[in-house]
Amino acid sequence: MASDDHMTLIDAPVGTCVRIRHLTSRPEIATRLRELGFCENAIVRCVMKGYGNIICEVYNTRVGLDSGIARRIHVSVSE
């Protein structure tokens, strides 16, 4: 696993809760992610990984993301 300063959502171990620090995707993708609840400071739990995808839980809703998008979501371990 990467250090807390450089971890992305795809690096988060299954079952771990992380806090979103910032999004580095294109503006239209970042806007859509925020609409889905992937906002700065939101708590996200990694539910499952497989076949290049990740399923996360954000605000009691499960959302599937492509690994390319998940690499653009920078996180830190939630306290």
PDB file of N, CA and C in Angstrom:
ATOM      1  N   MET A   1       0.846  -1.182   0.000  1.00  0.00           N
ATOM      2  CA  MET A   1       0.000   0.000   0.000  1.00  0.00           C
ATOM      3  C   MET A   1       0.887   1.239   0.000  1.00  0.00           C
ATOM      4  N   ALA A   2       0.434   2.284  -0.664  1.00  0.00           N
ATOM      5  CA  ALA A   2       1.184   3.531  -0.747  1.00  0.00           C
ATOM      6  C   ALA A   2       1.112   4.271   0.580  1.00  0.00           C
ATOM      7  N   SER A   3       1.990   5.256   0.733  1.00  0.00           N
ATOM      8  CA  SER A   3       1.934   6.063   1.948  1.00  0.00           C
ATOM      9  C   SER A   3       0.654   6.895   1.943  1.00  0.00           C
ATOM     10  N   ASP A   4       0.223   7.339   3.125  1.00  0.00           N
ATOM     11  CA  ASP A   4      -1.023   8.104   3.236  1.00  0.00           C
ATOM     12  C   ASP A   4      -1.024   9.342   2.367  1.00  0.00           C
ATOM     13  N   ASP A   5       0.151   9.972   2.159  1.00  0.00           N
ATOM     14  CA  ASP A   5       0.219  11.210   1.386  1.00  0.00           C
ATOM     15  C   ASP A   5      -0.051  10.991  -0.101  1.00  0.00           C
ATOM     16  N   HIS A   6       0.206   9.795  -0.596  1.00  0.00           N
ATOM     17  CA  HIS A   6       0.113   9.557  -2.032  1.00  0.00           C
ATOM     18  C   HIS A   6      -0.832   8.421  -2.399  1.00  0.00           C
ATOM     19  N   MET A   7      -1.716   8.038  -1.503  1.00  0.00           N
ATOM     20  CA  MET A   7      -2.608   6.916  -1.765  1.00  0.00           C
ATOM     21  C   MET A   7      -3.793   7.367  -2.617  1.00  0.00           C
ATOM     22  N   THR A   8      -4.166   6.513  -3.554  1.00  0.00           N
ATOM     23  CA  THR A   8      -5.371   6.756  -4.335  1.00  0.00           C
ATOM     24  C   THR A   8      -6.421   5.732  -3.924  1.00  0.00           C
ATOM     25  N   LEU A   9      -7.634   5.929  -4.358  1.00  0.00           N
ATOM     26  CA  LEU A   9      -8.725   5.045  -3.966  1.00  0.00           C
ATOM     27  C   LEU A   9      -8.455   3.601  -4.376  1.00  0.00           C
ATOM     28  N   ILE A  10      -7.819   3.395  -5.512  1.00  0.00           N
ATOM     29  CA  ILE A  10      -7.534   2.032  -5.968  1.00  0.00           C
ATOM     30  C   ILE A  10      -6.530   1.336  -5.045  1.00  0.00           C
ATOM     31  N   ASP A  11      -5.719   2.102  -4.298  1.00  0.00           N
ATOM     32  CA  ASP A  11      -4.734   1.536  -3.368  1.00  0.00           C
ATOM     33  C   ASP A  11      -5.351   1.139  -2.026  1.00  0.00           C
ATOM     34  N   ALA A  12      -6.547   1.606  -1.727  1.00  0.00           N
ATOM     35  CA  ALA A  12      -7.173   1.344  -0.424  1.00  0.00           C
ATOM     36  C   ALA A  12      -7.516  -0.133  -0.291  1.00  0.00           C
ATOM     37  N   PRO A  13      -7.116  -0.759   0.812  1.00  0.00           N
ATOM     38  CA  PRO A  13      -7.458  -2.169   1.012  1.00  0.00           C
ATOM     39  C   PRO A  13      -8.968  -2.362   1.180  1.00  0.00           C
ATOM     40  N   VAL A  14      -9.461  -3.502   0.748  1.00  0.00           N
ATOM     41  CA  VAL A  14     -10.883  -3.823   0.899  1.00  0.00           C
ATOM     42  C   VAL A  14     -11.261  -3.760   2.375  1.00  0.00           C
ATOM     43  N   GLY A  15     -12.378  -3.117   2.671  1.00  0.00           N
ATOM     44  CA  GLY A  15     -12.873  -2.985   4.028  1.00  0.00           C
ATOM     45  C   GLY A  15     -12.404  -1.730   4.743  1.00  0.00           C
ATOM     46  N   THR A  16     -11.465  -1.005   4.149  1.00  0.00           N
ATOM     47  CA  THR A  16     -10.915   0.192   4.765  1.00  0.00           C
ATOM     48  C   THR A  16     -11.755   1.419   4.433  1.00  0.00           C
ATOM     49  N   CYS A  17     -11.925   2.297   5.423  1.00  0.00           N
ATOM     50  CA  CYS A  17     -12.574   3.589   5.198  1.00  0.00           C
ATOM     51  C   CYS A  17     -11.496   4.635   4.963  1.00  0.00           C
ATOM     52  N   VAL A  18     -11.689   5.429   3.936  1.00  0.00           N
ATOM     53  CA  VAL A  18     -10.732   6.486   3.598  1.00  0.00           C
ATOM     54  C   VAL A  18     -11.487   7.800   3.432  1.00  0.00           C
ATOM     55  N   ARG A  19     -10.751   8.897   3.559  1.00  0.00           N
ATOM     56  CA  ARG A  19     -11.312  10.239   3.368  1.00  0.00           C
ATOM     57  C   ARG A  19     -10.760  10.800   2.061  1.00  0.00           C
ATOM     58  N   ILE A  20     -11.634  11.307   1.216  1.00  0.00           N
ATOM     59  CA  ILE A  20     -11.201  11.886  -0.055  1.00  0.00           C
ATOM     60  C   ILE A  20     -10.509  13.208   0.206  1.00  0.00           C
ATOM     61  N   ARG A  21      -9.313  13.374  -0.348  1.00  0.00           N
ATOM     62  CA  ARG A  21      -8.538  14.608  -0.203  1.00  0.00           C
ATOM     63  C   ARG A  21      -8.700  15.517  -1.421  1.00  0.00           C
ATOM     64  N   HIS A  22      -8.549  14.963  -2.624  1.00  0.00           N
ATOM     65  CA  HIS A  22      -8.792  15.762  -3.828  1.00  0.00           C
ATOM     66  C   HIS A  22      -8.956  14.855  -5.045  1.00  0.00           C
ATOM     67  N   LEU A  23      -9.538  15.437  -6.090  1.00  0.00           N
ATOM     68  CA  LEU A  23      -9.774  14.745  -7.354  1.00  0.00           C
ATOM     69  C   LEU A  23      -8.870  15.358  -8.409  1.00  0.00           C
ATOM     70  N   THR A  24      -8.255  14.523  -9.230  1.00  0.00           N
ATOM     71  CA  THR A  24      -7.349  15.046 -10.255  1.00  0.00           C
ATOM     72  C   THR A  24      -7.823  14.736 -11.673  1.00  0.00           C
ATOM     73  N   SER A  25      -9.074  14.394 -11.845  1.00  0.00           N
ATOM     74  CA  SER A  25      -9.585  14.078 -13.171  1.00  0.00           C
ATOM     75  C   SER A  25     -10.021  15.345 -13.904  1.00  0.00           C
ATOM     76  N   ARG A  26     -10.418  15.164 -15.159  1.00  0.00           N
ATOM     77  CA  ARG A  26     -10.912  16.296 -15.948  1.00  0.00           C
ATOM     78  C   ARG A  26     -12.099  16.938 -15.235  1.00  0.00           C
ATOM     79  N   PRO A  27     -12.325  18.220 -15.428  1.00  0.00           N
ATOM     80  CA  PRO A  27     -13.395  18.926 -14.698  1.00  0.00           C
ATOM     81  C   PRO A  27     -14.767  18.281 -14.824  1.00  0.00           C
ATOM     82  N   GLU A  28     -15.127  17.803 -16.007  1.00  0.00           N
ATOM     83  CA  GLU A  28     -16.462  17.211 -16.166  1.00  0.00           C
ATOM     84  C   GLU A  28     -16.581  15.880 -15.413  1.00  0.00           C
ATOM     85  N   ILE A  29     -15.486  15.132 -15.328  1.00  0.00           N
ATOM     86  CA  ILE A  29     -15.505  13.879 -14.565  1.00  0.00           C
ATOM     87  C   ILE A  29     -15.515  14.178 -13.071  1.00  0.00           C
ATOM     88  N   ALA A  30     -14.714  15.159 -12.646  1.00  0.00           N
ATOM     89  CA  ALA A  30     -14.696  15.552 -11.230  1.00  0.00           C
ATOM     90  C   ALA A  30     -16.071  16.040 -10.797  1.00  0.00           C
ATOM     91  N   THR A  31     -16.747  16.781 -11.637  1.00  0.00           N
ATOM     92  CA  THR A  31     -18.094  17.264 -11.322  1.00  0.00           C
ATOM     93  C   THR A  31     -19.055  16.094 -11.158  1.00  0.00           C
ATOM     94  N   ARG A  32     -18.984  15.124 -12.050  1.00  0.00           N
ATOM     95  CA  ARG A  32     -19.871  13.952 -11.962  1.00  0.00           C
ATOM     96  C   ARG A  32     -19.569  13.138 -10.703  1.00  0.00           C
ATOM     97  N   LEU A  33     -18.283  12.965 -10.382  1.00  0.00           N
ATOM     98  CA  LEU A  33     -17.917  12.251  -9.156  1.00  0.00           C
ATOM     99  C   LEU A  33     -18.488  12.954  -7.928  1.00  0.00           C
ATOM    100  N   ARG A  34     -18.398  14.269  -7.908  1.00  0.00           N
ATOM    101  CA  ARG A  34     -18.962  15.030  -6.776  1.00  0.00           C
ATOM    102  C   ARG A  34     -20.470  14.856  -6.700  1.00  0.00           C
ATOM    103  N   GLU A  35     -21.144  14.811  -7.850  1.00  0.00           N
ATOM    104  CA  GLU A  35     -22.592  14.579  -7.867  1.00  0.00           C
ATOM    105  C   GLU A  35     -22.945  13.211  -7.286  1.00  0.00           C
ATOM    106  N   LEU A  36     -22.040  12.236  -7.454  1.00  0.00           N
ATOM    107  CA  LEU A  36     -22.249  10.889  -6.918  1.00  0.00           C
ATOM    108  C   LEU A  36     -21.871  10.775  -5.440  1.00  0.00           C
ATOM    109  N   GLY A  37     -21.306  11.851  -4.885  1.00  0.00           N
ATOM    110  CA  GLY A  37     -20.941  11.849  -3.475  1.00  0.00           C
ATOM    111  C   GLY A  37     -19.451  11.768  -3.203  1.00  0.00           C
ATOM    112  N   PHE A  38     -18.626  11.660  -4.247  1.00  0.00           N
ATOM    113  CA  PHE A  38     -17.176  11.581  -4.081  1.00  0.00           C
ATOM    114  C   PHE A  38     -16.594  12.993  -3.973  1.00  0.00           C
ATOM    115  N   CYS A  39     -16.991  13.692  -2.913  1.00  0.00           N
ATOM    116  CA  CYS A  39     -16.551  15.068  -2.658  1.00  0.00           C
ATOM    117  C   CYS A  39     -15.350  15.066  -1.729  1.00  0.00           C
ATOM    118  N   GLU A  40     -14.607  16.158  -1.726  1.00  0.00           N
ATOM    119  CA  GLU A  40     -13.511  16.318  -0.791  1.00  0.00           C
ATOM    120  C   GLU A  40     -14.044  16.171   0.628  1.00  0.00           C
ATOM    121  N   ASN A  41     -13.324  15.433   1.463  1.00  0.00           N
ATOM    122  CA  ASN A  41     -13.639  15.136   2.858  1.00  0.00           C
ATOM    123  C   ASN A  41     -14.715  14.074   3.058  1.00  0.00           C
ATOM    124  N   ALA A  42     -15.290  13.531   1.984  1.00  0.00           N
ATOM    125  CA  ALA A  42     -16.264  12.447   2.127  1.00  0.00           C
ATOM    126  C   ALA A  42     -15.548  11.171   2.564  1.00  0.00           C
ATOM    127  N   ILE A  43     -16.234  10.363   3.355  1.00  0.00           N
ATOM    128  CA  ILE A  43     -15.705   9.076   3.793  1.00  0.00           C
ATOM    129  C   ILE A  43     -16.205   8.002   2.825  1.00  0.00           C
ATOM    130  N   VAL A  44     -15.275   7.202   2.321  1.00  0.00           N
ATOM    131  CA  VAL A  44     -15.580   6.155   1.352  1.00  0.00           C
ATOM    132  C   VAL A  44     -15.019   4.842   1.881  1.00  0.00           C
ATOM    133  N   ARG A  45     -15.801   3.762   1.742  1.00  0.00           N
ATOM    134  CA  ARG A  45     -15.319   2.444   2.144  1.00  0.00           C
ATOM    135  C   ARG A  45     -15.160   1.586   0.901  1.00  0.00           C
ATOM    136  N   CYS A  46     -14.008   0.956   0.772  1.00  0.00           N
ATOM    137  CA  CYS A  46     -13.737   0.040  -0.331  1.00  0.00           C
ATOM    138  C   CYS A  46     -14.426  -1.282  -0.015  1.00  0.00           C
ATOM    139  N   VAL A  47     -15.379  -1.689  -0.842  1.00  0.00           N
ATOM    140  CA  VAL A  47     -16.161  -2.891  -0.601  1.00  0.00           C
ATOM    141  C   VAL A  47     -15.569  -4.097  -1.317  1.00  0.00           C
ATOM    142  N   MET A  48     -15.159  -3.919  -2.582  1.00  0.00           N
ATOM    143  CA  MET A  48     -14.681  -5.046  -3.370  1.00  0.00           C
ATOM    144  C   MET A  48     -13.831  -4.547  -4.532  1.00  0.00           C
ATOM    145  N   LYS A  49     -12.850  -5.358  -4.913  1.00  0.00           N
ATOM    146  CA  LYS A  49     -12.028  -5.066  -6.091  1.00  0.00           C
ATOM    147  C   LYS A  49     -11.981  -6.312  -6.965  1.00  0.00           C
ATOM    148  N   GLY A  50     -11.904  -6.087  -8.264  1.00  0.00           N
ATOM    149  CA  GLY A  50     -11.773  -7.210  -9.178  1.00  0.00           C
ATOM    150  C   GLY A  50     -11.890  -6.781 -10.617  1.00  0.00           C
ATOM    151  N   TYR A  51     -11.159  -7.456 -11.480  1.00  0.00           N
ATOM    152  CA  TYR A  51     -11.218  -7.218 -12.921  1.00  0.00           C
ATOM    153  C   TYR A  51     -10.995  -5.757 -13.301  1.00  0.00           C
ATOM    154  N   GLY A  52     -10.128  -5.066 -12.568  1.00  0.00           N
ATOM    155  CA  GLY A  52      -9.809  -3.679 -12.884  1.00  0.00           C
ATOM    156  C   GLY A  52     -10.829  -2.675 -12.401  1.00  0.00           C
ATOM    157  N   ASN A  53     -11.772  -3.108 -11.600  1.00  0.00           N
ATOM    158  CA  ASN A  53     -12.808  -2.212 -11.088  1.00  0.00           C
ATOM    159  C   ASN A  53     -12.808  -2.231  -9.566  1.00  0.00           C
ATOM    160  N   ILE A  54     -13.497  -1.280  -8.976  1.00  0.00           N
ATOM    161  CA  ILE A  54     -13.619  -1.202  -7.529  1.00  0.00           C
ATOM    162  C   ILE A  54     -15.058  -0.829  -7.198  1.00  0.00           C
ATOM    163  N   ILE A  55     -15.591  -1.447  -6.166  1.00  0.00           N
ATOM    164  CA  ILE A  55     -16.915  -1.070  -5.663  1.00  0.00           C
ATOM    165  C   ILE A  55     -16.692  -0.398  -4.325  1.00  0.00           C
ATOM    166  N   CYS A  56     -17.242   0.813  -4.197  1.00  0.00           N
ATOM    167  CA  CYS A  56     -17.086   1.617  -2.990  1.00  0.00           C
ATOM    168  C   CYS A  56     -18.454   1.937  -2.418  1.00  0.00           C
ATOM    169  N   GLU A  57     -18.449   2.230  -1.131  1.00  0.00           N
ATOM    170  CA  GLU A  57     -19.667   2.690  -0.481  1.00  0.00           C
ATOM    171  C   GLU A  57     -19.435   4.126  -0.039  1.00  0.00           C
ATOM    172  N   VAL A  58     -20.284   5.024  -0.514  1.00  0.00           N
ATOM    173  CA  VAL A  58     -20.211   6.429  -0.148  1.00  0.00           C
ATOM    174  C   VAL A  58     -21.628   6.879   0.192  1.00  0.00           C
ATOM    175  N   TYR A  59     -21.806   7.445   1.383  1.00  0.00           N
ATOM    176  CA  TYR A  59     -23.124   7.873   1.854  1.00  0.00           C
ATOM    177  C   TYR A  59     -24.171   6.760   1.716  1.00  0.00           C
ATOM    178  N   ASN A  60     -23.807   5.555   2.188  1.00  0.00           N
ATOM    179  CA  ASN A  60     -24.694   4.385   2.203  1.00  0.00           C
ATOM    180  C   ASN A  60     -25.152   3.928   0.826  1.00  0.00           C
ATOM    181  N   THR A  61     -24.414   4.289  -0.209  1.00  0.00           N
ATOM    182  CA  THR A  61     -24.710   3.856  -1.569  1.00  0.00           C
ATOM    183  C   THR A  61     -23.470   3.219  -2.166  1.00  0.00           C
ATOM    184  N   ARG A  62     -23.638   2.077  -2.805  1.00  0.00           N
ATOM    185  CA  ARG A  62     -22.504   1.411  -3.454  1.00  0.00           C
ATOM    186  C   ARG A  62     -22.390   1.886  -4.892  1.00  0.00           C
ATOM    187  N   VAL A  63     -21.157   2.201  -5.272  1.00  0.00           N
ATOM    188  CA  VAL A  63     -20.875   2.728  -6.603  1.00  0.00           C
ATOM    189  C   VAL A  63     -19.682   1.969  -7.162  1.00  0.00           C
ATOM    190  N   GLY A  64     -19.794   1.512  -8.405  1.00  0.00           N
ATOM    191  CA  GLY A  64     -18.683   0.860  -9.084  1.00  0.00           C
ATOM    192  C   GLY A  64     -17.898   1.870  -9.896  1.00  0.00           C
ATOM    193  N   LEU A  65     -16.568   1.796  -9.788  1.00  0.00           N
ATOM    194  CA  LEU A  65     -15.693   2.707 -10.529  1.00  0.00           C
ATOM    195  C   LEU A  65     -14.643   1.921 -11.300  1.00  0.00           C
ATOM    196  N   ASP A  66     -14.294   2.410 -12.441  1.00  0.00           N
ATOM    197  CA  ASP A  66     -13.177   1.898 -13.221  1.00  0.00           C
ATOM    198  C   ASP A  66     -11.880   2.255 -12.494  1.00  0.00           C
ATOM    199  N   SER A  67     -10.873   1.408 -12.591  1.00  0.00           N
ATOM    200  CA  SER A  67      -9.612   1.673 -11.883  1.00  0.00           C
ATOM    201  C   SER A  67      -8.949   2.968 -12.338  1.00  0.00           C
ATOM    202  N   GLY A  68      -9.130   3.348 -13.598  1.00  0.00           N
ATOM    203  CA  GLY A  68      -8.555   4.601 -14.091  1.00  0.00           C
ATOM    204  C   GLY A  68      -9.131   5.809 -13.373  1.00  0.00           C
ATOM    205  N   ILE A  69     -10.422   5.780 -13.121  1.00  0.00           N
ATOM    206  CA  ILE A  69     -11.072   6.865 -12.371  1.00  0.00           C
ATOM    207  C   ILE A  69     -10.638   6.805 -10.909  1.00  0.00           C
ATOM    208  N   ALA A  70     -10.601   5.594 -10.340  1.00  0.00           N
ATOM    209  CA  ALA A  70     -10.233   5.441  -8.928  1.00  0.00           C
ATOM    210  C   ALA A  70      -8.803   5.936  -8.666  1.00  0.00           C
ATOM    211  N   ARG A  71      -7.943   5.874  -9.679  1.00  0.00           N
ATOM    212  CA  ARG A  71      -6.566   6.383  -9.530  1.00  0.00           C
ATOM    213  C   ARG A  71      -6.526   7.906  -9.486  1.00  0.00           C
ATOM    214  N   ARG A  72      -7.586   8.553  -9.882  1.00  0.00           N
ATOM    215  CA  ARG A  72      -7.669  10.019  -9.879  1.00  0.00           C
ATOM    216  C   ARG A  72      -8.275  10.573  -8.581  1.00  0.00           C
ATOM    217  N   ILE A  73      -8.669   9.673  -7.676  1.00  0.00           N
ATOM    218  CA  ILE A  73      -9.268  10.086  -6.396  1.00  0.00           C
ATOM    219  C   ILE A  73      -8.219   9.865  -5.319  1.00  0.00           C
ATOM    220  N   HIS A  74      -7.652  10.941  -4.813  1.00  0.00           N
ATOM    221  CA  HIS A  74      -6.600  10.868  -3.794  1.00  0.00           C
ATOM    222  C   HIS A  74      -7.228  10.866  -2.407  1.00  0.00           C
ATOM    223  N   VAL A  75      -6.770   9.921  -1.590  1.00  0.00           N
ATOM    224  CA  VAL A  75      -7.395   9.698  -0.283  1.00  0.00           C
ATOM    225  C   VAL A  75      -6.346   9.546   0.810  1.00  0.00           C
ATOM    226  N   SER A  76      -6.820   9.594   2.040  1.00  0.00           N
ATOM    227  CA  SER A  76      -5.996   9.255   3.205  1.00  0.00           C
ATOM    228  C   SER A  76      -6.840   8.384   4.123  1.00  0.00           C
ATOM    229  N   VAL A  77      -6.189   7.607   4.960  1.00  0.00           N
ATOM    230  CA  VAL A  77      -6.909   6.736   5.874  1.00  0.00           C
ATOM    231  C   VAL A  77      -7.747   7.589   6.809  1.00  0.00           C
ATOM    232  N   SER A  78      -9.009   7.217   6.963  1.00  0.00           N
ATOM    233  CA  SER A  78      -9.928   7.988   7.806  1.00  0.00           C
ATOM    234  C   SER A  78      -9.660   7.692   9.272  1.00  0.00           C
ATOM    235  N   GLU A  79      -9.718   8.735  10.114  1.00  0.00           N
ATOM    236  CA  GLU A  79      -9.523   8.569  11.550  1.00  0.00           C
ATOM    237  C   GLU A  79     -10.804   8.134  12.198  1.00  0.00           C
TER     238      GLU A  79
END
